[in-house]
Amino acid sequence: AAGDQQHFVAGASQFLAALDDVPAV
């Protein structure tokens, strides 16, 4: 169950990392 839901944490981390590179941010 932890592995199934871990992708939410990893996905949020990757999502925010991608946004961090946007000039508007």
PDBML (XML) file of the C-alpha atoms, coordinates in Angstrom:
<?xml version="1.0" encoding="UTF-8" ?>
<PDBx:datablock datablockName="MODEL"
   xmlns:PDBx="http://pdbml.pdb.org/schema/pdbx-v50.xsd"
   xmlns:xsi="http://www.w3.org/2001/XMLSchema-instance"
   xsi:schemaLocation="http://pdbml.pdb.org/schema/pdbx-v50.xsd pdbx-v50.xsd">
   <PDBx:atom_siteCategory>
      <PDBx:atom_site id="1">
         <PDBx:B_iso_or_equiv>0.00</PDBx:B_iso_or_equiv>
         <PDBx:Cartn_x>0.000</PDBx:Cartn_x>
         <PDBx:Cartn_y>0.000</PDBx:Cartn_y>
         <PDBx:Cartn_z>0.000</PDBx:Cartn_z>
         <PDBx:auth_asym_id>A</PDBx:auth_asym_id>
         <PDBx:auth_atom_id>CA</PDBx:auth_atom_id>
         <PDBx:auth_comp_id>ALA</PDBx:auth_comp_id>
         <PDBx:auth_seq_id>1</PDBx:auth_seq_id>
         <PDBx:group_PDB>ATOM</PDBx:group_PDB>
         <PDBx:label_alt_id xsi:nil="true" />
         <PDBx:label_asym_id>A</PDBx:label_asym_id>
         <PDBx:label_atom_id>CA</PDBx:label_atom_id>
         <PDBx:label_comp_id>ALA</PDBx:label_comp_id>
         <PDBx:label_entity_id>1</PDBx:label_entity_id>
         <PDBx:label_seq_id>1</PDBx:label_seq_id>
         <PDBx:occupancy>1.00</PDBx:occupancy>
         <PDBx:pdbx_PDB_model_num>1</PDBx:pdbx_PDB_model_num>
         <PDBx:type_symbol>C</PDBx:type_symbol>
      </PDBx:atom_site>
      <PDBx:atom_site id="2">
         <PDBx:B_iso_or_equiv>0.00</PDBx:B_iso_or_equiv>
         <PDBx:Cartn_x>2.851</PDBx:Cartn_x>
         <PDBx:Cartn_y>2.392</PDBx:Cartn_y>
         <PDBx:Cartn_z>0.807</PDBx:Cartn_z>
         <PDBx:auth_asym_id>A</PDBx:auth_asym_id>
         <PDBx:auth_atom_id>CA</PDBx:auth_atom_id>
         <PDBx:auth_comp_id>ALA</PDBx:auth_comp_id>
         <PDBx:auth_seq_id>2</PDBx:auth_seq_id>
         <PDBx:group_PDB>ATOM</PDBx:group_PDB>
         <PDBx:label_alt_id xsi:nil="true" />
         <PDBx:label_asym_id>A</PDBx:label_asym_id>
         <PDBx:label_atom_id>CA</PDBx:label_atom_id>
         <PDBx:label_comp_id>ALA</PDBx:label_comp_id>
         <PDBx:label_entity_id>1</PDBx:label_entity_id>
         <PDBx:label_seq_id>2</PDBx:label_seq_id>
         <PDBx:occupancy>1.00</PDBx:occupancy>
         <PDBx:pdbx_PDB_model_num>1</PDBx:pdbx_PDB_model_num>
         <PDBx:type_symbol>C</PDBx:type_symbol>
      </PDBx:atom_site>
      <PDBx:atom_site id="3">
         <PDBx:B_iso_or_equiv>0.00</PDBx:B_iso_or_equiv>
         <PDBx:Cartn_x>4.417</PDBx:Cartn_x>
         <PDBx:Cartn_y>1.633</PDBx:Cartn_y>
         <PDBx:Cartn_z>-2.563</PDBx:Cartn_z>
         <PDBx:auth_asym_id>A</PDBx:auth_asym_id>
         <PDBx:auth_atom_id>CA</PDBx:auth_atom_id>
         <PDBx:auth_comp_id>GLY</PDBx:auth_comp_id>
         <PDBx:auth_seq_id>3</PDBx:auth_seq_id>
         <PDBx:group_PDB>ATOM</PDBx:group_PDB>
         <PDBx:label_alt_id xsi:nil="true" />
         <PDBx:label_asym_id>A</PDBx:label_asym_id>
         <PDBx:label_atom_id>CA</PDBx:label_atom_id>
         <PDBx:label_comp_id>GLY</PDBx:label_comp_id>
         <PDBx:label_entity_id>1</PDBx:label_entity_id>
         <PDBx:label_seq_id>3</PDBx:label_seq_id>
         <PDBx:occupancy>1.00</PDBx:occupancy>
         <PDBx:pdbx_PDB_model_num>1</PDBx:pdbx_PDB_model_num>
         <PDBx:type_symbol>C</PDBx:type_symbol>
      </PDBx:atom_site>
      <PDBx:atom_site id="4">
         <PDBx:B_iso_or_equiv>0.00</PDBx:B_iso_or_equiv>
         <PDBx:Cartn_x>1.108</PDBx:Cartn_x>
         <PDBx:Cartn_y>2.203</PDBx:Cartn_y>
         <PDBx:Cartn_z>-4.346</PDBx:Cartn_z>
         <PDBx:auth_asym_id>A</PDBx:auth_asym_id>
         <PDBx:auth_atom_id>CA</PDBx:auth_atom_id>
         <PDBx:auth_comp_id>ASP</PDBx:auth_comp_id>
         <PDBx:auth_seq_id>4</PDBx:auth_seq_id>
         <PDBx:group_PDB>ATOM</PDBx:group_PDB>
         <PDBx:label_alt_id xsi:nil="true" />
         <PDBx:label_asym_id>A</PDBx:label_asym_id>
         <PDBx:label_atom_id>CA</PDBx:label_atom_id>
         <PDBx:label_comp_id>ASP</PDBx:label_comp_id>
         <PDBx:label_entity_id>1</PDBx:label_entity_id>
         <PDBx:label_seq_id>4</PDBx:label_seq_id>
         <PDBx:occupancy>1.00</PDBx:occupancy>
         <PDBx:pdbx_PDB_model_num>1</PDBx:pdbx_PDB_model_num>
         <PDBx:type_symbol>C</PDBx:type_symbol>
      </PDBx:atom_site>
      <PDBx:atom_site id="5">
         <PDBx:B_iso_or_equiv>0.00</PDBx:B_iso_or_equiv>
         <PDBx:Cartn_x>0.654</PDBx:Cartn_x>
         <PDBx:Cartn_y>5.597</PDBx:Cartn_y>
         <PDBx:Cartn_z>-2.721</PDBx:Cartn_z>
         <PDBx:auth_asym_id>A</PDBx:auth_asym_id>
         <PDBx:auth_atom_id>CA</PDBx:auth_atom_id>
         <PDBx:auth_comp_id>GLN</PDBx:auth_comp_id>
         <PDBx:auth_seq_id>5</PDBx:auth_seq_id>
         <PDBx:group_PDB>ATOM</PDBx:group_PDB>
         <PDBx:label_alt_id xsi:nil="true" />
         <PDBx:label_asym_id>A</PDBx:label_asym_id>
         <PDBx:label_atom_id>CA</PDBx:label_atom_id>
         <PDBx:label_comp_id>GLN</PDBx:label_comp_id>
         <PDBx:label_entity_id>1</PDBx:label_entity_id>
         <PDBx:label_seq_id>5</PDBx:label_seq_id>
         <PDBx:occupancy>1.00</PDBx:occupancy>
         <PDBx:pdbx_PDB_model_num>1</PDBx:pdbx_PDB_model_num>
         <PDBx:type_symbol>C</PDBx:type_symbol>
      </PDBx:atom_site>
      <PDBx:atom_site id="6">
         <PDBx:B_iso_or_equiv>0.00</PDBx:B_iso_or_equiv>
         <PDBx:Cartn_x>4.312</PDBx:Cartn_x>
         <PDBx:Cartn_y>6.604</PDBx:Cartn_y>
         <PDBx:Cartn_z>-2.848</PDBx:Cartn_z>
         <PDBx:auth_asym_id>A</PDBx:auth_asym_id>
         <PDBx:auth_atom_id>CA</PDBx:auth_atom_id>
         <PDBx:auth_comp_id>GLN</PDBx:auth_comp_id>
         <PDBx:auth_seq_id>6</PDBx:auth_seq_id>
         <PDBx:group_PDB>ATOM</PDBx:group_PDB>
         <PDBx:label_alt_id xsi:nil="true" />
         <PDBx:label_asym_id>A</PDBx:label_asym_id>
         <PDBx:label_atom_id>CA</PDBx:label_atom_id>
         <PDBx:label_comp_id>GLN</PDBx:label_comp_id>
         <PDBx:label_entity_id>1</PDBx:label_entity_id>
         <PDBx:label_seq_id>6</PDBx:label_seq_id>
         <PDBx:occupancy>1.00</PDBx:occupancy>
         <PDBx:pdbx_PDB_model_num>1</PDBx:pdbx_PDB_model_num>
         <PDBx:type_symbol>C</PDBx:type_symbol>
      </PDBx:atom_site>
      <PDBx:atom_site id="7">
         <PDBx:B_iso_or_equiv>0.00</PDBx:B_iso_or_equiv>
         <PDBx:Cartn_x>3.866</PDBx:Cartn_x>
         <PDBx:Cartn_y>7.764</PDBx:Cartn_y>
         <PDBx:Cartn_z>-6.424</PDBx:Cartn_z>
         <PDBx:auth_asym_id>A</PDBx:auth_asym_id>
         <PDBx:auth_atom_id>CA</PDBx:auth_atom_id>
         <PDBx:auth_comp_id>HIS</PDBx:auth_comp_id>
         <PDBx:auth_seq_id>7</PDBx:auth_seq_id>
         <PDBx:group_PDB>ATOM</PDBx:group_PDB>
         <PDBx:label_alt_id xsi:nil="true" />
         <PDBx:label_asym_id>A</PDBx:label_asym_id>
         <PDBx:label_atom_id>CA</PDBx:label_atom_id>
         <PDBx:label_comp_id>HIS</PDBx:label_comp_id>
         <PDBx:label_entity_id>1</PDBx:label_entity_id>
         <PDBx:label_seq_id>7</PDBx:label_seq_id>
         <PDBx:occupancy>1.00</PDBx:occupancy>
         <PDBx:pdbx_PDB_model_num>1</PDBx:pdbx_PDB_model_num>
         <PDBx:type_symbol>C</PDBx:type_symbol>
      </PDBx:atom_site>
      <PDBx:atom_site id="8">
         <PDBx:B_iso_or_equiv>0.00</PDBx:B_iso_or_equiv>
         <PDBx:Cartn_x>1.769</PDBx:Cartn_x>
         <PDBx:Cartn_y>10.674</PDBx:Cartn_y>
         <PDBx:Cartn_z>-5.127</PDBx:Cartn_z>
         <PDBx:auth_asym_id>A</PDBx:auth_asym_id>
         <PDBx:auth_atom_id>CA</PDBx:auth_atom_id>
         <PDBx:auth_comp_id>PHE</PDBx:auth_comp_id>
         <PDBx:auth_seq_id>8</PDBx:auth_seq_id>
         <PDBx:group_PDB>ATOM</PDBx:group_PDB>
         <PDBx:label_alt_id xsi:nil="true" />
         <PDBx:label_asym_id>A</PDBx:label_asym_id>
         <PDBx:label_atom_id>CA</PDBx:label_atom_id>
         <PDBx:label_comp_id>PHE</PDBx:label_comp_id>
         <PDBx:label_entity_id>1</PDBx:label_entity_id>
         <PDBx:label_seq_id>8</PDBx:label_seq_id>
         <PDBx:occupancy>1.00</PDBx:occupancy>
         <PDBx:pdbx_PDB_model_num>1</PDBx:pdbx_PDB_model_num>
         <PDBx:type_symbol>C</PDBx:type_symbol>
      </PDBx:atom_site>
      <PDBx:atom_site id="9">
         <PDBx:B_iso_or_equiv>0.00</PDBx:B_iso_or_equiv>
         <PDBx:Cartn_x>4.722</PDBx:Cartn_x>
         <PDBx:Cartn_y>11.941</PDBx:Cartn_y>
         <PDBx:Cartn_z>-3.094</PDBx:Cartn_z>
         <PDBx:auth_asym_id>A</PDBx:auth_asym_id>
         <PDBx:auth_atom_id>CA</PDBx:auth_atom_id>
         <PDBx:auth_comp_id>VAL</PDBx:auth_comp_id>
         <PDBx:auth_seq_id>9</PDBx:auth_seq_id>
         <PDBx:group_PDB>ATOM</PDBx:group_PDB>
         <PDBx:label_alt_id xsi:nil="true" />
         <PDBx:label_asym_id>A</PDBx:label_asym_id>
         <PDBx:label_atom_id>CA</PDBx:label_atom_id>
         <PDBx:label_comp_id>VAL</PDBx:label_comp_id>
         <PDBx:label_entity_id>1</PDBx:label_entity_id>
         <PDBx:label_seq_id>9</PDBx:label_seq_id>
         <PDBx:occupancy>1.00</PDBx:occupancy>
         <PDBx:pdbx_PDB_model_num>1</PDBx:pdbx_PDB_model_num>
         <PDBx:type_symbol>C</PDBx:type_symbol>
      </PDBx:atom_site>
      <PDBx:atom_site id="10">
         <PDBx:B_iso_or_equiv>0.00</PDBx:B_iso_or_equiv>
         <PDBx:Cartn_x>7.148</PDBx:Cartn_x>
         <PDBx:Cartn_y>11.357</PDBx:Cartn_y>
         <PDBx:Cartn_z>-5.947</PDBx:Cartn_z>
         <PDBx:auth_asym_id>A</PDBx:auth_asym_id>
         <PDBx:auth_atom_id>CA</PDBx:auth_atom_id>
         <PDBx:auth_comp_id>ALA</PDBx:auth_comp_id>
         <PDBx:auth_seq_id>10</PDBx:auth_seq_id>
         <PDBx:group_PDB>ATOM</PDBx:group_PDB>
         <PDBx:label_alt_id xsi:nil="true" />
         <PDBx:label_asym_id>A</PDBx:label_asym_id>
         <PDBx:label_atom_id>CA</PDBx:label_atom_id>
         <PDBx:label_comp_id>ALA</PDBx:label_comp_id>
         <PDBx:label_entity_id>1</PDBx:label_entity_id>
         <PDBx:label_seq_id>10</PDBx:label_seq_id>
         <PDBx:occupancy>1.00</PDBx:occupancy>
         <PDBx:pdbx_PDB_model_num>1</PDBx:pdbx_PDB_model_num>
         <PDBx:type_symbol>C</PDBx:type_symbol>
      </PDBx:atom_site>
      <PDBx:atom_site id="11">
         <PDBx:B_iso_or_equiv>0.00</PDBx:B_iso_or_equiv>
         <PDBx:Cartn_x>4.710</PDBx:Cartn_x>
         <PDBx:Cartn_y>12.887</PDBx:Cartn_y>
         <PDBx:Cartn_z>-8.434</PDBx:Cartn_z>
         <PDBx:auth_asym_id>A</PDBx:auth_asym_id>
         <PDBx:auth_atom_id>CA</PDBx:auth_atom_id>
         <PDBx:auth_comp_id>GLY</PDBx:auth_comp_id>
         <PDBx:auth_seq_id>11</PDBx:auth_seq_id>
         <PDBx:group_PDB>ATOM</PDBx:group_PDB>
         <PDBx:label_alt_id xsi:nil="true" />
         <PDBx:label_asym_id>A</PDBx:label_asym_id>
         <PDBx:label_atom_id>CA</PDBx:label_atom_id>
         <PDBx:label_comp_id>GLY</PDBx:label_comp_id>
         <PDBx:label_entity_id>1</PDBx:label_entity_id>
         <PDBx:label_seq_id>11</PDBx:label_seq_id>
         <PDBx:occupancy>1.00</PDBx:occupancy>
         <PDBx:pdbx_PDB_model_num>1</PDBx:pdbx_PDB_model_num>
         <PDBx:type_symbol>C</PDBx:type_symbol>
      </PDBx:atom_site>
      <PDBx:atom_site id="12">
         <PDBx:B_iso_or_equiv>0.00</PDBx:B_iso_or_equiv>
         <PDBx:Cartn_x>4.231</PDBx:Cartn_x>
         <PDBx:Cartn_y>15.996</PDBx:Cartn_y>
         <PDBx:Cartn_z>-6.292</PDBx:Cartn_z>
         <PDBx:auth_asym_id>A</PDBx:auth_asym_id>
         <PDBx:auth_atom_id>CA</PDBx:auth_atom_id>
         <PDBx:auth_comp_id>ALA</PDBx:auth_comp_id>
         <PDBx:auth_seq_id>12</PDBx:auth_seq_id>
         <PDBx:group_PDB>ATOM</PDBx:group_PDB>
         <PDBx:label_alt_id xsi:nil="true" />
         <PDBx:label_asym_id>A</PDBx:label_asym_id>
         <PDBx:label_atom_id>CA</PDBx:label_atom_id>
         <PDBx:label_comp_id>ALA</PDBx:label_comp_id>
         <PDBx:label_entity_id>1</PDBx:label_entity_id>
         <PDBx:label_seq_id>12</PDBx:label_seq_id>
         <PDBx:occupancy>1.00</PDBx:occupancy>
         <PDBx:pdbx_PDB_model_num>1</PDBx:pdbx_PDB_model_num>
         <PDBx:type_symbol>C</PDBx:type_symbol>
      </PDBx:atom_site>
      <PDBx:atom_site id="13">
         <PDBx:B_iso_or_equiv>0.00</PDBx:B_iso_or_equiv>
         <PDBx:Cartn_x>7.987</PDBx:Cartn_x>
         <PDBx:Cartn_y>16.385</PDBx:Cartn_y>
         <PDBx:Cartn_z>-5.915</PDBx:Cartn_z>
         <PDBx:auth_asym_id>A</PDBx:auth_asym_id>
         <PDBx:auth_atom_id>CA</PDBx:auth_atom_id>
         <PDBx:auth_comp_id>SER</PDBx:auth_comp_id>
         <PDBx:auth_seq_id>13</PDBx:auth_seq_id>
         <PDBx:group_PDB>ATOM</PDBx:group_PDB>
         <PDBx:label_alt_id xsi:nil="true" />
         <PDBx:label_asym_id>A</PDBx:label_asym_id>
         <PDBx:label_atom_id>CA</PDBx:label_atom_id>
         <PDBx:label_comp_id>SER</PDBx:label_comp_id>
         <PDBx:label_entity_id>1</PDBx:label_entity_id>
         <PDBx:label_seq_id>13</PDBx:label_seq_id>
         <PDBx:occupancy>1.00</PDBx:occupancy>
         <PDBx:pdbx_PDB_model_num>1</PDBx:pdbx_PDB_model_num>
         <PDBx:type_symbol>C</PDBx:type_symbol>
      </PDBx:atom_site>
      <PDBx:atom_site id="14">
         <PDBx:B_iso_or_equiv>0.00</PDBx:B_iso_or_equiv>
         <PDBx:Cartn_x>8.563</PDBx:Cartn_x>
         <PDBx:Cartn_y>16.108</PDBx:Cartn_y>
         <PDBx:Cartn_z>-9.679</PDBx:Cartn_z>
         <PDBx:auth_asym_id>A</PDBx:auth_asym_id>
         <PDBx:auth_atom_id>CA</PDBx:auth_atom_id>
         <PDBx:auth_comp_id>GLN</PDBx:auth_comp_id>
         <PDBx:auth_seq_id>14</PDBx:auth_seq_id>
         <PDBx:group_PDB>ATOM</PDBx:group_PDB>
         <PDBx:label_alt_id xsi:nil="true" />
         <PDBx:label_asym_id>A</PDBx:label_asym_id>
         <PDBx:label_atom_id>CA</PDBx:label_atom_id>
         <PDBx:label_comp_id>GLN</PDBx:label_comp_id>
         <PDBx:label_entity_id>1</PDBx:label_entity_id>
         <PDBx:label_seq_id>14</PDBx:label_seq_id>
         <PDBx:occupancy>1.00</PDBx:occupancy>
         <PDBx:pdbx_PDB_model_num>1</PDBx:pdbx_PDB_model_num>
         <PDBx:type_symbol>C</PDBx:type_symbol>
      </PDBx:atom_site>
      <PDBx:atom_site id="15">
         <PDBx:B_iso_or_equiv>0.00</PDBx:B_iso_or_equiv>
         <PDBx:Cartn_x>5.645</PDBx:Cartn_x>
         <PDBx:Cartn_y>18.417</PDBx:Cartn_y>
         <PDBx:Cartn_z>-10.438</PDBx:Cartn_z>
         <PDBx:auth_asym_id>A</PDBx:auth_asym_id>
         <PDBx:auth_atom_id>CA</PDBx:auth_atom_id>
         <PDBx:auth_comp_id>PHE</PDBx:auth_comp_id>
         <PDBx:auth_seq_id>15</PDBx:auth_seq_id>
         <PDBx:group_PDB>ATOM</PDBx:group_PDB>
         <PDBx:label_alt_id xsi:nil="true" />
         <PDBx:label_asym_id>A</PDBx:label_asym_id>
         <PDBx:label_atom_id>CA</PDBx:label_atom_id>
         <PDBx:label_comp_id>PHE</PDBx:label_comp_id>
         <PDBx:label_entity_id>1</PDBx:label_entity_id>
         <PDBx:label_seq_id>15</PDBx:label_seq_id>
         <PDBx:occupancy>1.00</PDBx:occupancy>
         <PDBx:pdbx_PDB_model_num>1</PDBx:pdbx_PDB_model_num>
         <PDBx:type_symbol>C</PDBx:type_symbol>
      </PDBx:atom_site>
      <PDBx:atom_site id="16">
         <PDBx:B_iso_or_equiv>0.00</PDBx:B_iso_or_equiv>
         <PDBx:Cartn_x>6.984</PDBx:Cartn_x>
         <PDBx:Cartn_y>21.149</PDBx:Cartn_y>
         <PDBx:Cartn_z>-8.145</PDBx:Cartn_z>
         <PDBx:auth_asym_id>A</PDBx:auth_asym_id>
         <PDBx:auth_atom_id>CA</PDBx:auth_atom_id>
         <PDBx:auth_comp_id>LEU</PDBx:auth_comp_id>
         <PDBx:auth_seq_id>16</PDBx:auth_seq_id>
         <PDBx:group_PDB>ATOM</PDBx:group_PDB>
         <PDBx:label_alt_id xsi:nil="true" />
         <PDBx:label_asym_id>A</PDBx:label_asym_id>
         <PDBx:label_atom_id>CA</PDBx:label_atom_id>
         <PDBx:label_comp_id>LEU</PDBx:label_comp_id>
         <PDBx:label_entity_id>1</PDBx:label_entity_id>
         <PDBx:label_seq_id>16</PDBx:label_seq_id>
         <PDBx:occupancy>1.00</PDBx:occupancy>
         <PDBx:pdbx_PDB_model_num>1</PDBx:pdbx_PDB_model_num>
         <PDBx:type_symbol>C</PDBx:type_symbol>
      </PDBx:atom_site>
      <PDBx:atom_site id="17">
         <PDBx:B_iso_or_equiv>0.00</PDBx:B_iso_or_equiv>
         <PDBx:Cartn_x>10.538</PDBx:Cartn_x>
         <PDBx:Cartn_y>20.679</PDBx:Cartn_y>
         <PDBx:Cartn_z>-9.453</PDBx:Cartn_z>
         <PDBx:auth_asym_id>A</PDBx:auth_asym_id>
         <PDBx:auth_atom_id>CA</PDBx:auth_atom_id>
         <PDBx:auth_comp_id>ALA</PDBx:auth_comp_id>
         <PDBx:auth_seq_id>17</PDBx:auth_seq_id>
         <PDBx:group_PDB>ATOM</PDBx:group_PDB>
         <PDBx:label_alt_id xsi:nil="true" />
         <PDBx:label_asym_id>A</PDBx:label_asym_id>
         <PDBx:label_atom_id>CA</PDBx:label_atom_id>
         <PDBx:label_comp_id>ALA</PDBx:label_comp_id>
         <PDBx:label_entity_id>1</PDBx:label_entity_id>
         <PDBx:label_seq_id>17</PDBx:label_seq_id>
         <PDBx:occupancy>1.00</PDBx:occupancy>
         <PDBx:pdbx_PDB_model_num>1</PDBx:pdbx_PDB_model_num>
         <PDBx:type_symbol>C</PDBx:type_symbol>
      </PDBx:atom_site>
      <PDBx:atom_site id="18">
         <PDBx:B_iso_or_equiv>0.00</PDBx:B_iso_or_equiv>
         <PDBx:Cartn_x>9.280</PDBx:Cartn_x>
         <PDBx:Cartn_y>21.236</PDBx:Cartn_y>
         <PDBx:Cartn_z>-13.004</PDBx:Cartn_z>
         <PDBx:auth_asym_id>A</PDBx:auth_asym_id>
         <PDBx:auth_atom_id>CA</PDBx:auth_atom_id>
         <PDBx:auth_comp_id>ALA</PDBx:auth_comp_id>
         <PDBx:auth_seq_id>18</PDBx:auth_seq_id>
         <PDBx:group_PDB>ATOM</PDBx:group_PDB>
         <PDBx:label_alt_id xsi:nil="true" />
         <PDBx:label_asym_id>A</PDBx:label_asym_id>
         <PDBx:label_atom_id>CA</PDBx:label_atom_id>
         <PDBx:label_comp_id>ALA</PDBx:label_comp_id>
         <PDBx:label_entity_id>1</PDBx:label_entity_id>
         <PDBx:label_seq_id>18</PDBx:label_seq_id>
         <PDBx:occupancy>1.00</PDBx:occupancy>
         <PDBx:pdbx_PDB_model_num>1</PDBx:pdbx_PDB_model_num>
         <PDBx:type_symbol>C</PDBx:type_symbol>
      </PDBx:atom_site>
      <PDBx:atom_site id="19">
         <PDBx:B_iso_or_equiv>0.00</PDBx:B_iso_or_equiv>
         <PDBx:Cartn_x>7.355</PDBx:Cartn_x>
         <PDBx:Cartn_y>24.355</PDBx:Cartn_y>
         <PDBx:Cartn_z>-11.951</PDBx:Cartn_z>
         <PDBx:auth_asym_id>A</PDBx:auth_asym_id>
         <PDBx:auth_atom_id>CA</PDBx:auth_atom_id>
         <PDBx:auth_comp_id>LEU</PDBx:auth_comp_id>
         <PDBx:auth_seq_id>19</PDBx:auth_seq_id>
         <PDBx:group_PDB>ATOM</PDBx:group_PDB>
         <PDBx:label_alt_id xsi:nil="true" />
         <PDBx:label_asym_id>A</PDBx:label_asym_id>
         <PDBx:label_atom_id>CA</PDBx:label_atom_id>
         <PDBx:label_comp_id>LEU</PDBx:label_comp_id>
         <PDBx:label_entity_id>1</PDBx:label_entity_id>
         <PDBx:label_seq_id>19</PDBx:label_seq_id>
         <PDBx:occupancy>1.00</PDBx:occupancy>
         <PDBx:pdbx_PDB_model_num>1</PDBx:pdbx_PDB_model_num>
         <PDBx:type_symbol>C</PDBx:type_symbol>
      </PDBx:atom_site>
      <PDBx:atom_site id="20">
         <PDBx:B_iso_or_equiv>0.00</PDBx:B_iso_or_equiv>
         <PDBx:Cartn_x>10.434</PDBx:Cartn_x>
         <PDBx:Cartn_y>25.729</PDBx:Cartn_y>
         <PDBx:Cartn_z>-10.238</PDBx:Cartn_z>
         <PDBx:auth_asym_id>A</PDBx:auth_asym_id>
         <PDBx:auth_atom_id>CA</PDBx:auth_atom_id>
         <PDBx:auth_comp_id>ASP</PDBx:auth_comp_id>
         <PDBx:auth_seq_id>20</PDBx:auth_seq_id>
         <PDBx:group_PDB>ATOM</PDBx:group_PDB>
         <PDBx:label_alt_id xsi:nil="true" />
         <PDBx:label_asym_id>A</PDBx:label_asym_id>
         <PDBx:label_atom_id>CA</PDBx:label_atom_id>
         <PDBx:label_comp_id>ASP</PDBx:label_comp_id>
         <PDBx:label_entity_id>1</PDBx:label_entity_id>
         <PDBx:label_seq_id>20</PDBx:label_seq_id>
         <PDBx:occupancy>1.00</PDBx:occupancy>
         <PDBx:pdbx_PDB_model_num>1</PDBx:pdbx_PDB_model_num>
         <PDBx:type_symbol>C</PDBx:type_symbol>
      </PDBx:atom_site>
      <PDBx:atom_site id="21">
         <PDBx:B_iso_or_equiv>0.00</PDBx:B_iso_or_equiv>
         <PDBx:Cartn_x>12.136</PDBx:Cartn_x>
         <PDBx:Cartn_y>26.077</PDBx:Cartn_y>
         <PDBx:Cartn_z>-13.608</PDBx:Cartn_z>
         <PDBx:auth_asym_id>A</PDBx:auth_asym_id>
         <PDBx:auth_atom_id>CA</PDBx:auth_atom_id>
         <PDBx:auth_comp_id>ASP</PDBx:auth_comp_id>
         <PDBx:auth_seq_id>21</PDBx:auth_seq_id>
         <PDBx:group_PDB>ATOM</PDBx:group_PDB>
         <PDBx:label_alt_id xsi:nil="true" />
         <PDBx:label_asym_id>A</PDBx:label_asym_id>
         <PDBx:label_atom_id>CA</PDBx:label_atom_id>
         <PDBx:label_comp_id>ASP</PDBx:label_comp_id>
         <PDBx:label_entity_id>1</PDBx:label_entity_id>
         <PDBx:label_seq_id>21</PDBx:label_seq_id>
         <PDBx:occupancy>1.00</PDBx:occupancy>
         <PDBx:pdbx_PDB_model_num>1</PDBx:pdbx_PDB_model_num>
         <PDBx:type_symbol>C</PDBx:type_symbol>
      </PDBx:atom_site>
      <PDBx:atom_site id="22">
         <PDBx:B_iso_or_equiv>0.00</PDBx:B_iso_or_equiv>
         <PDBx:Cartn_x>9.312</PDBx:Cartn_x>
         <PDBx:Cartn_y>28.161</PDBx:Cartn_y>
         <PDBx:Cartn_z>-15.113</PDBx:Cartn_z>
         <PDBx:auth_asym_id>A</PDBx:auth_asym_id>
         <PDBx:auth_atom_id>CA</PDBx:auth_atom_id>
         <PDBx:auth_comp_id>VAL</PDBx:auth_comp_id>
         <PDBx:auth_seq_id>22</PDBx:auth_seq_id>
         <PDBx:group_PDB>ATOM</PDBx:group_PDB>
         <PDBx:label_alt_id xsi:nil="true" />
         <PDBx:label_asym_id>A</PDBx:label_asym_id>
         <PDBx:label_atom_id>CA</PDBx:label_atom_id>
         <PDBx:label_comp_id>VAL</PDBx:label_comp_id>
         <PDBx:label_entity_id>1</PDBx:label_entity_id>
         <PDBx:label_seq_id>22</PDBx:label_seq_id>
         <PDBx:occupancy>1.00</PDBx:occupancy>
         <PDBx:pdbx_PDB_model_num>1</PDBx:pdbx_PDB_model_num>
         <PDBx:type_symbol>C</PDBx:type_symbol>
      </PDBx:atom_site>
      <PDBx:atom_site id="23">
         <PDBx:B_iso_or_equiv>0.00</PDBx:B_iso_or_equiv>
         <PDBx:Cartn_x>10.298</PDBx:Cartn_x>
         <PDBx:Cartn_y>31.865</PDBx:Cartn_y>
         <PDBx:Cartn_z>-15.499</PDBx:Cartn_z>
         <PDBx:auth_asym_id>A</PDBx:auth_asym_id>
         <PDBx:auth_atom_id>CA</PDBx:auth_atom_id>
         <PDBx:auth_comp_id>PRO</PDBx:auth_comp_id>
         <PDBx:auth_seq_id>23</PDBx:auth_seq_id>
         <PDBx:group_PDB>ATOM</PDBx:group_PDB>
         <PDBx:label_alt_id xsi:nil="true" />
         <PDBx:label_asym_id>A</PDBx:label_asym_id>
         <PDBx:label_atom_id>CA</PDBx:label_atom_id>
         <PDBx:label_comp_id>PRO</PDBx:label_comp_id>
         <PDBx:label_entity_id>1</PDBx:label_entity_id>
         <PDBx:label_seq_id>23</PDBx:label_seq_id>
         <PDBx:occupancy>1.00</PDBx:occupancy>
         <PDBx:pdbx_PDB_model_num>1</PDBx:pdbx_PDB_model_num>
         <PDBx:type_symbol>C</PDBx:type_symbol>
      </PDBx:atom_site>
      <PDBx:atom_site id="24">
         <PDBx:B_iso_or_equiv>0.00</PDBx:B_iso_or_equiv>
         <PDBx:Cartn_x>6.969</PDBx:Cartn_x>
         <PDBx:Cartn_y>33.050</PDBx:Cartn_y>
         <PDBx:Cartn_z>-14.112</PDBx:Cartn_z>
         <PDBx:auth_asym_id>A</PDBx:auth_asym_id>
         <PDBx:auth_atom_id>CA</PDBx:auth_atom_id>
         <PDBx:auth_comp_id>ALA</PDBx:auth_comp_id>
         <PDBx:auth_seq_id>24</PDBx:auth_seq_id>
         <PDBx:group_PDB>ATOM</PDBx:group_PDB>
         <PDBx:label_alt_id xsi:nil="true" />
         <PDBx:label_asym_id>A</PDBx:label_asym_id>
         <PDBx:label_atom_id>CA</PDBx:label_atom_id>
         <PDBx:label_comp_id>ALA</PDBx:label_comp_id>
         <PDBx:label_entity_id>1</PDBx:label_entity_id>
         <PDBx:label_seq_id>24</PDBx:label_seq_id>
         <PDBx:occupancy>1.00</PDBx:occupancy>
         <PDBx:pdbx_PDB_model_num>1</PDBx:pdbx_PDB_model_num>
         <PDBx:type_symbol>C</PDBx:type_symbol>
      </PDBx:atom_site>
      <PDBx:atom_site id="25">
         <PDBx:B_iso_or_equiv>0.00</PDBx:B_iso_or_equiv>
         <PDBx:Cartn_x>7.781</PDBx:Cartn_x>
         <PDBx:Cartn_y>31.248</PDBx:Cartn_y>
         <PDBx:Cartn_z>-10.855</PDBx:Cartn_z>
         <PDBx:auth_asym_id>A</PDBx:auth_asym_id>
         <PDBx:auth_atom_id>CA</PDBx:auth_atom_id>
         <PDBx:auth_comp_id>VAL</PDBx:auth_comp_id>
         <PDBx:auth_seq_id>25</PDBx:auth_seq_id>
         <PDBx:group_PDB>ATOM</PDBx:group_PDB>
         <PDBx:label_alt_id xsi:nil="true" />
         <PDBx:label_asym_id>A</PDBx:label_asym_id>
         <PDBx:label_atom_id>CA</PDBx:label_atom_id>
         <PDBx:label_comp_id>VAL</PDBx:label_comp_id>
         <PDBx:label_entity_id>1</PDBx:label_entity_id>
         <PDBx:label_seq_id>25</PDBx:label_seq_id>
         <PDBx:occupancy>1.00</PDBx:occupancy>
         <PDBx:pdbx_PDB_model_num>1</PDBx:pdbx_PDB_model_num>
         <PDBx:type_symbol>C</PDBx:type_symbol>
      </PDBx:atom_site>
   </PDBx:atom_siteCategory>
</PDBx:datablock>
